Protein backbone atom coordinates (compact mmCIF):
# COMPACT_ATOMS: atom_id res chain seq x y z
CA MET A 1 63.77 74.19 18.48
CA ASN A 2 67.49 73.91 19.16
CA LYS A 3 69.46 75.11 16.14
CA ASN A 4 71.72 72.04 16.43
CA TYR A 5 68.77 69.65 16.28
CA ASP A 6 69.90 67.91 13.09
CA SER A 7 73.13 66.83 14.75
CA GLN A 8 71.49 65.84 18.00
CA ALA A 9 68.21 64.00 17.51
CA ASN A 10 69.69 60.63 16.75
CA CYS A 11 69.54 57.08 17.97
CA SER A 12 71.47 54.89 20.41
CA THR A 13 72.13 51.15 20.11
CA ILE A 14 73.47 48.40 22.38
CA ILE A 15 74.48 44.93 21.18
CA VAL A 16 75.35 42.01 23.43
CA GLY A 17 77.29 39.15 21.81
CA LYS A 18 75.85 35.68 22.34
CA ASP A 19 78.55 34.59 24.80
CA ALA A 20 78.08 37.81 26.79
CA SER A 21 74.32 37.21 27.01
CA ALA A 22 72.55 35.31 29.78
CA THR A 23 70.40 33.65 27.10
CA GLY A 24 73.37 32.41 25.05
CA ARG A 25 71.97 34.41 22.13
CA VAL A 26 72.51 37.94 20.83
CA ILE A 27 70.53 40.80 22.38
CA MET A 28 70.07 44.06 20.47
CA ALA A 29 68.65 47.21 22.13
CA HIS A 30 67.81 50.44 20.32
CA ASN A 31 66.30 53.87 20.96
CA GLU A 32 64.87 55.41 17.79
CA ASP A 33 65.02 59.22 17.87
CA ASP A 34 63.16 61.27 15.29
CA LEU A 35 61.23 64.51 15.03
CA GLY A 36 57.44 64.61 14.61
CA CYS A 37 56.93 60.89 14.02
CA VAL A 38 53.96 58.68 14.72
CA VAL A 39 54.53 54.93 14.81
CA GLN A 40 52.56 51.98 13.52
CA SER A 41 53.31 48.27 13.18
CA HIS A 42 52.91 46.00 10.15
CA LEU A 43 53.12 42.34 9.26
CA VAL A 44 54.16 41.68 5.65
CA PRO A 45 53.81 38.13 4.23
CA ARG A 46 56.11 36.22 1.92
CA MET A 47 55.60 37.26 -1.68
CA LYS A 48 56.41 35.83 -5.10
CA HIS A 49 57.56 38.23 -7.82
CA GLU A 50 57.51 38.22 -11.60
CA LYS A 51 60.67 37.69 -13.62
CA GLY A 52 62.12 41.04 -14.70
CA GLU A 53 60.34 42.98 -11.96
CA THR A 54 62.22 45.98 -10.53
CA ILE A 55 61.90 48.15 -7.42
CA THR A 56 62.35 51.88 -6.94
CA PHE A 57 61.86 54.01 -3.84
CA PRO A 58 60.70 57.67 -3.82
CA ASP A 59 63.88 59.07 -2.25
CA GLY A 60 66.43 57.20 -4.37
CA THR A 61 67.44 56.80 -8.00
CA ALA A 62 68.31 53.10 -7.90
CA VAL A 63 66.32 50.73 -10.11
CA ILE A 64 66.82 47.43 -8.32
CA PRO A 65 66.10 44.00 -9.83
CA GLN A 66 63.55 42.17 -7.71
CA VAL A 67 64.25 38.68 -6.39
CA GLU A 68 61.98 35.72 -7.07
CA GLU A 69 60.63 35.57 -3.51
CA THR A 70 60.74 37.99 -0.57
CA TRP A 71 60.47 36.89 3.05
CA ALA A 72 57.82 37.76 5.60
CA PHE A 73 58.71 40.41 8.16
CA TYR A 74 57.52 42.54 11.06
CA TRP A 75 57.90 46.27 10.42
CA ASP A 76 57.87 49.27 12.76
CA GLU A 77 57.06 52.22 10.50
CA PHE A 78 57.84 55.81 11.52
CA ARG A 79 55.58 58.25 9.68
CA ALA A 80 55.95 62.04 9.62
CA LEU A 81 54.69 64.91 7.49
CA HIS A 82 58.23 65.47 6.20
CA GLY A 83 58.54 61.79 5.20
CA GLU A 84 60.97 59.98 7.49
CA PRO A 85 63.50 58.07 5.34
CA PHE A 86 65.91 56.61 7.91
CA ALA A 87 64.01 55.26 10.92
CA ASP A 88 62.03 52.08 10.21
CA ALA A 89 62.96 48.83 11.98
CA PHE A 90 62.49 45.27 10.74
CA TYR A 91 62.55 41.66 11.93
CA ASN A 92 62.09 38.91 9.34
CA GLU A 93 60.88 35.32 9.40
CA TRP A 94 64.47 33.98 9.50
CA GLY A 95 65.21 35.87 12.68
CA VAL A 96 67.16 38.80 11.15
CA SER A 97 66.69 42.27 12.65
CA VAL A 98 67.67 45.57 11.01
CA THR A 99 67.94 48.97 12.74
CA SER A 100 70.07 52.05 12.15
CA ASN A 101 71.71 55.15 13.60
CA SER A 102 72.60 58.38 11.91
CA GLY A 103 76.29 58.69 11.13
CA ILE A 104 76.23 62.50 11.60
CA GLY A 105 78.47 63.27 8.63
CA SER A 106 81.62 62.09 6.93
CA LYS A 107 84.35 63.79 4.96
CA VAL A 108 82.53 62.82 1.78
CA PRO A 109 80.86 66.05 0.57
CA ALA A 110 77.15 66.43 1.27
CA ASP A 111 76.81 69.02 -1.51
CA GLY A 112 75.34 66.63 -4.06
CA SER A 113 78.61 66.00 -5.85
CA VAL A 114 78.58 62.46 -4.46
CA THR A 115 75.31 60.68 -5.05
CA GLY A 116 73.83 57.40 -3.97
CA GLY A 117 70.82 55.62 -5.36
CA LEU A 118 69.78 53.96 -2.08
CA GLY A 119 68.10 55.49 0.94
CA TYR A 120 64.77 54.60 2.54
CA GLY A 121 64.35 51.19 0.90
CA PHE A 122 67.80 49.86 1.78
CA ARG A 123 66.87 48.32 5.14
CA ARG A 124 63.66 46.89 3.75
CA LEU A 125 65.60 45.10 1.00
CA ILE A 126 67.80 43.47 3.65
CA ALA A 127 64.75 42.33 5.63
CA GLU A 128 63.06 40.99 2.49
CA ARG A 129 66.07 38.98 1.32
CA ALA A 130 68.35 37.92 4.20
CA THR A 131 68.31 34.47 5.79
CA SER A 132 70.94 35.36 8.41
CA ALA A 133 72.71 38.43 9.72
CA ARG A 134 75.84 37.60 7.71
CA HIS A 135 73.73 37.10 4.60
CA GLY A 136 72.12 40.48 5.31
CA VAL A 137 75.53 42.14 5.40
CA GLU A 138 76.51 40.49 2.13
CA ILE A 139 73.28 41.68 0.50
CA ALA A 140 73.85 45.18 1.87
CA CYS A 141 77.44 45.32 0.64
CA ALA A 142 76.47 44.22 -2.86
CA LEU A 143 73.72 46.85 -3.03
CA LEU A 144 76.08 49.59 -1.81
CA GLU A 145 78.77 48.65 -4.32
CA GLU A 146 76.29 48.79 -7.19
CA PHE A 147 73.99 51.66 -6.29
CA GLY A 148 75.64 53.72 -3.53
CA TYR A 149 73.96 55.36 -0.54
CA ARG A 150 72.66 58.90 -0.21
CA SER A 151 73.74 59.71 3.37
CA THR A 152 76.10 58.71 6.16
CA ARG A 153 74.57 55.94 8.29
CA ILE A 154 75.25 53.07 10.68
CA TYR A 155 73.25 49.84 10.41
CA GLU A 156 72.92 47.03 12.95
CA ILE A 157 72.12 43.69 11.31
CA CYS A 158 71.68 40.89 13.83
CA ASP A 159 70.40 37.39 14.37
CA LYS A 160 70.62 35.08 17.38
CA GLU A 161 74.16 33.97 16.50
CA GLU A 162 75.89 37.03 15.03
CA ALA A 163 75.71 40.81 15.19
CA TRP A 164 77.18 43.05 12.53
CA VAL A 165 77.61 46.82 12.42
CA LEU A 166 77.73 48.36 8.93
CA GLN A 167 79.10 51.91 8.77
CA VAL A 168 78.41 53.70 5.49
CA ALA A 169 79.87 56.92 4.10
CA THR A 170 77.85 58.75 1.45
CA GLY A 171 78.34 57.05 -1.88
CA HIS A 172 79.84 53.57 -2.26
CA ASN A 173 82.27 53.22 0.65
CA PHE A 174 81.64 51.27 3.84
CA VAL A 175 83.04 48.88 6.44
CA ALA A 176 81.13 46.18 8.32
CA GLN A 177 82.55 44.77 11.54
CA ARG A 178 81.23 41.85 13.55
CA VAL A 179 80.62 42.38 17.26
CA GLY A 180 82.58 39.65 19.07
CA ASP A 181 80.58 36.88 20.71
CA ASP A 182 82.06 37.83 24.10
CA GLU A 183 81.68 41.60 23.60
CA ILE A 184 79.35 44.45 24.48
CA PHE A 185 78.78 47.23 21.93
CA PHE A 186 77.31 50.71 22.40
CA ILE A 187 77.02 53.54 19.92
CA PRO A 188 75.49 56.99 19.76
CA ASN A 189 76.03 58.43 16.25
CA TRP A 190 79.56 58.29 15.03
CA PHE A 191 81.84 55.90 13.17
CA THR A 192 83.52 53.48 15.56
CA VAL A 193 85.22 51.02 13.21
CA HIS A 194 88.94 51.70 13.37
CA ARG A 195 91.62 49.27 12.14
CA VAL A 196 90.35 47.01 9.38
CA ASP A 197 91.98 43.62 8.87
CA PHE A 198 92.38 43.65 5.09
CA SER A 199 93.79 40.10 5.23
CA ASP A 200 90.38 38.85 6.41
CA THR A 201 89.39 37.59 2.98
CA GLU A 202 87.07 34.99 4.55
CA HIS A 203 85.20 37.85 6.24
CA LYS A 204 85.28 36.34 9.69
CA LYS A 205 85.18 39.82 11.19
CA PHE A 206 85.17 42.43 8.39
CA TYR A 207 83.66 43.38 5.06
CA TRP A 208 84.72 46.53 3.22
CA SER A 209 84.09 48.32 -0.05
CA LYS A 210 86.37 47.58 -2.98
CA ASN A 211 87.43 51.20 -3.41
CA LEU A 212 87.69 52.08 0.30
CA ILE A 213 91.40 52.85 0.43
CA GLN A 214 91.85 54.18 -3.10
CA TYR A 215 88.99 56.66 -2.68
CA ALA A 216 90.57 57.95 0.54
CA LEU A 217 93.97 58.25 -1.15
CA ASP A 218 92.56 60.02 -4.20
CA HIS A 219 90.66 62.57 -2.09
CA GLY A 220 93.41 63.29 0.38
CA TYR A 221 91.66 61.72 3.37
CA TYR A 222 94.52 59.32 4.02
CA THR A 223 98.25 59.03 3.53
CA PRO A 224 99.83 55.83 4.84
CA ALA A 225 102.93 56.17 7.00
CA LYS A 226 104.66 53.76 4.62
CA ALA A 227 103.71 53.66 0.96
CA GLY A 228 101.71 50.57 0.12
CA ASP A 229 101.31 49.58 3.78
CA TYR A 230 97.74 50.17 4.95
CA SER A 231 98.04 48.66 8.42
CA ASP A 232 97.60 52.15 9.93
CA PHE A 233 94.31 52.77 8.09
CA ASP A 234 91.66 53.85 10.62
CA PHE A 235 88.22 53.99 8.99
CA ALA A 236 86.61 56.27 11.61
CA ASP A 237 89.50 58.72 11.45
CA VAL A 238 90.01 58.58 7.69
CA TYR A 239 86.36 59.02 6.72
CA GLN A 240 85.02 61.04 9.63
CA ALA A 241 87.79 62.32 11.94
CA GLN A 242 86.62 65.20 14.16
CA LYS A 243 83.29 65.67 12.40
CA ALA A 244 81.65 63.26 14.85
CA TYR A 245 82.64 65.16 17.99
CA ILE A 246 79.44 67.01 18.68
CA PRO A 247 78.46 67.37 22.34
CA PHE A 248 75.38 65.18 22.00
CA ASN A 249 77.43 62.14 20.94
CA SER A 250 80.12 62.65 23.56
CA LEU A 251 77.61 63.09 26.37
CA ARG A 252 75.64 59.98 25.44
CA SER A 253 78.83 57.96 25.20
CA ASP A 254 79.87 59.22 28.64
CA LEU A 255 76.45 58.34 30.01
CA GLY A 256 75.80 54.96 28.35
CA TRP A 257 79.13 53.18 28.56
CA PRO A 258 79.62 53.53 32.35
CA LEU A 259 76.09 52.25 32.94
CA LEU A 260 76.96 49.18 30.88
CA VAL A 261 80.48 48.40 32.06
CA GLY A 262 80.93 50.37 35.30
CA HIS A 263 83.67 52.74 34.15
CA GLU A 264 84.46 55.47 31.62
CA VAL A 265 85.31 54.38 28.09
CA PRO A 266 87.27 56.34 25.44
CA HIS A 267 85.08 58.03 22.87
CA ARG A 268 84.40 56.11 19.66
CA THR A 269 85.17 52.73 21.20
CA PHE A 270 83.66 50.00 19.01
CA SER A 271 83.18 47.29 21.66
CA LEU A 272 84.62 45.84 24.85
CA LYS A 273 84.98 42.33 26.20
CA ALA A 274 82.10 41.73 28.58
CA GLU A 275 82.89 41.06 32.22
CA LYS A 276 79.45 39.63 32.98
CA LYS A 277 76.43 38.02 31.34
CA TYR A 278 73.91 40.68 30.32
CA THR A 279 70.13 40.39 30.49
CA VAL A 280 67.30 42.49 29.11
CA GLU A 281 66.95 44.01 32.58
CA ASP A 282 70.56 45.24 32.42
CA LEU A 283 69.86 47.17 29.23
CA LYS A 284 66.62 48.92 30.19
CA PRO A 285 68.29 51.42 32.59
CA VAL A 286 70.71 52.47 29.84
CA LEU A 287 67.95 53.10 27.33
CA ARG A 288 66.02 55.01 30.01
CA SER A 289 68.97 57.07 31.21
CA HIS A 290 69.16 60.87 31.49
CA GLN A 291 71.55 63.48 32.72
CA HIS A 292 70.17 64.16 36.19
CA ASP A 293 71.32 67.77 36.28
CA ALA A 294 68.78 68.43 33.53
CA ILE A 295 65.95 67.42 35.85
CA GLU A 296 67.33 69.54 38.66
CA LYS A 297 67.58 72.63 36.47
CA ASP A 298 64.57 72.41 34.17
CA GLY A 299 62.24 69.93 35.88
CA THR A 300 62.50 67.56 32.91
CA PRO A 301 65.40 65.70 31.27
CA HIS A 302 63.87 66.02 27.81
CA LEU A 303 64.40 69.63 26.76
CA PHE A 304 66.39 70.42 23.61
CA GLY A 305 69.84 71.67 24.52
CA GLU A 306 73.41 70.65 25.05
CA ARG A 307 72.51 68.36 27.95
CA CYS A 308 71.05 65.07 26.88
CA GLY A 309 70.14 61.53 27.71
CA VAL A 310 70.01 58.24 25.91
CA CYS A 311 66.26 58.70 26.52
CA TRP A 312 65.55 62.15 25.16
CA ALA A 313 62.98 64.56 23.75
CA THR A 314 62.82 62.87 20.35
CA THR A 315 62.79 59.21 21.41
CA VAL A 316 59.83 57.70 19.56
CA VAL A 317 60.23 53.98 20.31
CA SER A 318 62.63 51.97 22.41
CA MET A 319 63.09 48.27 21.69
CA ILE A 320 65.08 45.36 23.04
CA VAL A 321 65.28 42.39 20.68
CA GLU A 322 65.76 39.30 22.82
CA PHE A 323 66.48 36.66 20.19
CA GLY A 324 64.85 33.31 20.82
CA PRO A 325 66.04 29.79 20.00
CA ARG A 326 63.83 29.97 16.91
CA PRO A 327 62.53 33.09 15.13
CA GLU A 328 58.97 32.82 16.44
CA LEU A 329 60.22 32.88 20.04
CA THR A 330 62.15 36.11 19.66
CA CYS A 331 60.59 38.67 21.97
CA ILE A 332 60.84 42.35 21.06
CA HIS A 333 60.28 44.33 24.24
CA GLN A 334 58.79 47.58 22.90
CA ALA A 335 58.27 50.85 24.75
CA PHE A 336 56.31 53.34 22.68
CA ARG A 337 57.48 56.91 23.01
CA ARG A 338 60.14 57.56 25.67
CA PRO A 339 61.03 54.44 27.69
CA CYS A 340 61.40 56.31 31.00
CA MET A 341 57.61 56.73 30.97
CA SER A 342 56.49 53.65 29.03
CA PRO A 343 56.58 49.90 29.73
CA TYR A 344 58.64 47.46 27.68
CA THR A 345 55.77 45.33 26.38
CA PRO A 346 56.57 41.80 25.11
CA TRP A 347 55.82 41.33 21.40
CA TYR A 348 56.58 37.79 20.20
CA MET A 349 57.62 37.51 16.58
CA GLY A 350 55.56 34.36 16.09
CA LEU A 351 52.44 36.51 15.93
CA ASP A 352 50.34 36.15 12.80
CA ARG A 353 48.15 39.21 13.31
CA LEU A 354 48.79 42.59 14.90
CA PRO A 355 47.31 43.71 18.21
CA LYS A 356 44.26 45.91 17.77
CA GLY A 357 44.96 49.64 17.56
CA TYR A 358 48.65 49.46 16.58
CA GLU A 359 48.17 49.85 12.81
CA TRP A 360 45.94 52.31 10.92
CA ILE A 361 47.07 51.92 7.30
CA GLY A 362 48.03 48.57 5.81
CA PRO A 363 51.60 47.87 4.63
CA LYS A 364 50.98 48.26 0.89
CA ALA A 365 49.30 51.64 1.26
CA SER A 366 51.87 52.69 3.87
CA LEU A 367 54.77 52.05 1.53
CA VAL A 368 53.15 54.09 -1.22
CA SER A 369 52.23 56.97 1.10
CA HIS A 370 55.28 56.98 3.36
CA PHE A 371 56.58 60.25 1.93
CA GLU A 372 53.09 61.78 1.53
CA VAL A 373 51.62 61.40 5.00
CA ASP A 374 48.13 62.79 5.52
CA GLU A 375 47.95 65.56 8.12
CA ARG A 376 45.22 63.68 9.98
CA GLU A 377 47.73 60.96 10.88
CA VAL A 378 49.58 63.30 13.23
CA GLU A 379 46.41 64.43 15.00
CA TYR A 380 45.17 62.80 18.20
CA ASP A 381 43.07 59.66 17.67
CA GLY A 382 41.78 57.89 20.77
CA ASN A 383 41.16 54.72 18.76
CA LEU A 384 44.91 54.16 18.32
CA ALA A 385 47.27 52.91 21.00
CA TYR A 386 50.11 55.23 20.00
CA TRP A 387 48.20 58.30 21.13
CA ALA A 388 47.65 56.97 24.65
CA PHE A 389 51.42 56.72 25.17
CA HIS A 390 51.93 60.07 23.45
CA LEU A 391 49.33 61.80 25.64
CA LEU A 392 50.69 60.25 28.84
CA GLN A 393 54.19 61.46 28.09
CA ASN A 394 53.08 64.96 27.15
CA MET A 395 51.18 65.08 30.42
CA THR A 396 54.19 64.00 32.48
CA GLU A 397 56.30 66.76 30.92
CA LEU A 398 54.03 69.36 32.58
CA ASP A 399 55.42 68.26 35.96
CA TYR A 400 58.01 65.55 35.43
CA THR A 401 59.32 65.54 39.00
CA PHE A 402 55.80 64.90 40.30
CA CYS A 403 54.72 62.39 37.65
CA ALA A 404 57.86 60.33 37.06
CA PRO A 405 58.01 58.51 40.43
CA ILE A 406 54.33 57.54 40.19
CA VAL A 407 54.56 56.31 36.59
CA GLN A 408 57.84 54.47 37.10
CA GLU A 409 56.57 52.64 40.19
CA ARG A 410 53.51 51.39 38.26
CA LEU A 411 55.66 50.64 35.24
CA ALA A 412 58.03 48.49 37.32
CA ARG A 413 55.10 46.44 38.63
CA LEU A 414 53.83 45.74 35.12
CA GLU A 415 57.24 44.73 33.80
CA ALA A 416 57.87 42.52 36.84
CA GLN A 417 54.65 40.65 36.05
CA TRP A 418 55.74 40.09 32.44
CA ALA A 419 59.20 38.92 33.55
CA LEU A 420 57.59 36.43 35.93
CA GLU A 421 55.35 35.07 33.18
CA LYS A 422 57.99 34.86 30.47
CA PRO A 423 59.62 31.46 31.25
CA ALA A 424 56.23 29.73 31.27
CA VAL A 425 55.12 31.53 28.08
CA ASP A 426 58.36 30.58 26.32
CA ALA A 427 58.10 26.94 27.39
CA ALA A 428 54.45 26.58 26.39
CA ALA A 429 55.02 28.27 23.02
CA ALA A 430 58.11 26.17 22.28
CA GLN A 431 56.24 22.95 22.97
CA LEU A 432 53.28 23.99 20.82
CA LEU A 433 55.50 25.11 17.94
CA GLU A 434 57.15 21.69 17.90
CA THR A 435 53.90 19.71 17.90
CA ASP A 436 51.46 22.08 16.17
CA PRO A 437 53.10 25.19 14.62
CA ALA A 438 49.76 26.84 13.84
CA ALA A 439 48.63 26.44 17.46
CA GLY A 440 51.98 27.78 18.66
CA ARG A 441 51.66 30.89 16.52
CA ALA A 442 48.05 31.37 17.64
CA PHE A 443 49.18 31.18 21.27
CA LEU A 444 51.91 33.78 20.71
CA THR A 445 49.52 35.99 18.75
CA ASP A 446 46.90 35.95 21.50
CA TYR A 447 49.45 36.51 24.24
CA THR A 448 51.07 39.44 22.43
CA ALA A 449 47.67 41.01 21.70
CA ALA A 450 46.64 40.71 25.34
CA GLN A 451 49.84 42.34 26.61
CA ALA A 452 49.70 45.12 24.00
CA GLN A 453 46.14 45.86 25.11
CA LYS A 454 47.23 45.76 28.75
CA ALA A 455 49.95 48.32 28.04
CA TRP A 456 47.46 50.57 26.23
CA ASP A 457 44.97 50.28 29.12
CA TRP A 458 47.80 51.00 31.56
CA ALA A 459 48.70 54.23 29.75
CA GLN A 460 45.09 55.41 29.79
CA GLN A 461 44.74 54.56 33.47
CA MET A 462 47.96 56.42 34.29
CA ILE A 463 46.62 59.55 32.60
CA LEU A 464 43.53 59.46 34.82
CA GLU A 465 45.49 58.68 37.97
CA LEU A 466 48.01 61.47 37.42
CA ALA A 467 45.24 63.98 36.78
CA ASP A 468 43.43 62.86 39.92
CA ARG A 469 46.51 62.93 42.14
CA LYS A 470 47.64 66.28 40.78
CA ASN A 471 44.23 67.80 41.48
CA ARG A 472 43.72 66.16 44.89
CA PRO A 473 45.35 68.96 46.94
CA ASN A 474 42.96 71.47 45.35
CA GLU A 475 39.96 69.31 46.25
CA GLU A 476 41.16 68.93 49.83
CA LYS A 477 41.18 72.71 50.29
CA PHE A 478 37.40 72.72 49.88
CA THR A 479 36.64 69.58 51.85
CA ILE A 480 34.32 70.33 54.77
């Protein structure tokens, strides 16, 4: 394993503002990068809670008052023997999505002298309580002010209308900035919020912690050019400065931004005004991108090392959240394992049951056992869809230059079929949801299940085809 793994195996996120999107709604795309994870999906219903009930999570000290009712949500859970605290992704019944990126590290000491009561459960609380992206940010800010956070992290909280990026230093300090409606956003793993408009008391574009400036002054992180004038306060520089400049971040920035906008972009840019309308198809190549010299040298772009890609050795799931006109019509295009070798399968959020083979432990038991994963969960199981994608990708790594063109040609065919079907599926589901919501949800459930099964079957078929084609030259030698 590369000795710099902890600073490298991190996620990448793209956000398209609604006016920069061909749909007229926000699009959020994310590669989740983690070590040793297996992935399952959950559906969690609305729940009523008793007065005085509290919540605690195994990795945090916060004792959080429960709300009267929590919302239903879809949950991608990332399970690992070490207990993965910072990876899970959510989409709730109000159309709010929550994902995150590591923040690498801030100037705030990581020696335990600064503590935070929140960790793993933070994103879940947002999904359980938020009715909009803005509401999610407000909930998050209130939780951070009261309980603090135990690491440095970047959260993306989005709905169809607004997208917010919340950048958190260890402890109680943070800034949230809204991605402009006409903007495109891309981030590897560093703070990108710079000048904060402290006059924005209506929070049209910013939220910030109450002690943000004073903490920086008290700890010597910041000295204003003019006493009492904080117009030169730069959050990324004040709280992180050069700590973010590891090669893995710089290389991904240099790879991702030009693919999105057609030219180089200064490091740690927050967002740019879009010069075109982006589609899901525009974002897939970015999430699938590699440094090509890695393939030329090592035969695979996925080895640990200084070279990297947005799609990399530790990519566990890639997702593109294409927000719909109503929450049920949001389509999460999910590629399990690395997206360069896996199809973006359409999962509609109107589903009321999970596709077969994508969950092995229910949500209640999963929450309890998340930090005590059984060893059998990380062993091959042919009854679960995840392992078909895992096996296919391990197989392609044995000879990536041979396998990749074959897999990607088949993958393109499958995705083209789904793209062709999508307008008719959307129209039929929208009509049913208006006239008979239960029938509309049943339609979306059945369609999602069928496509998830098709993707699973596709992965299994690709394994057989690659083995056959790889062995064919040997068979031909003995053909009489």
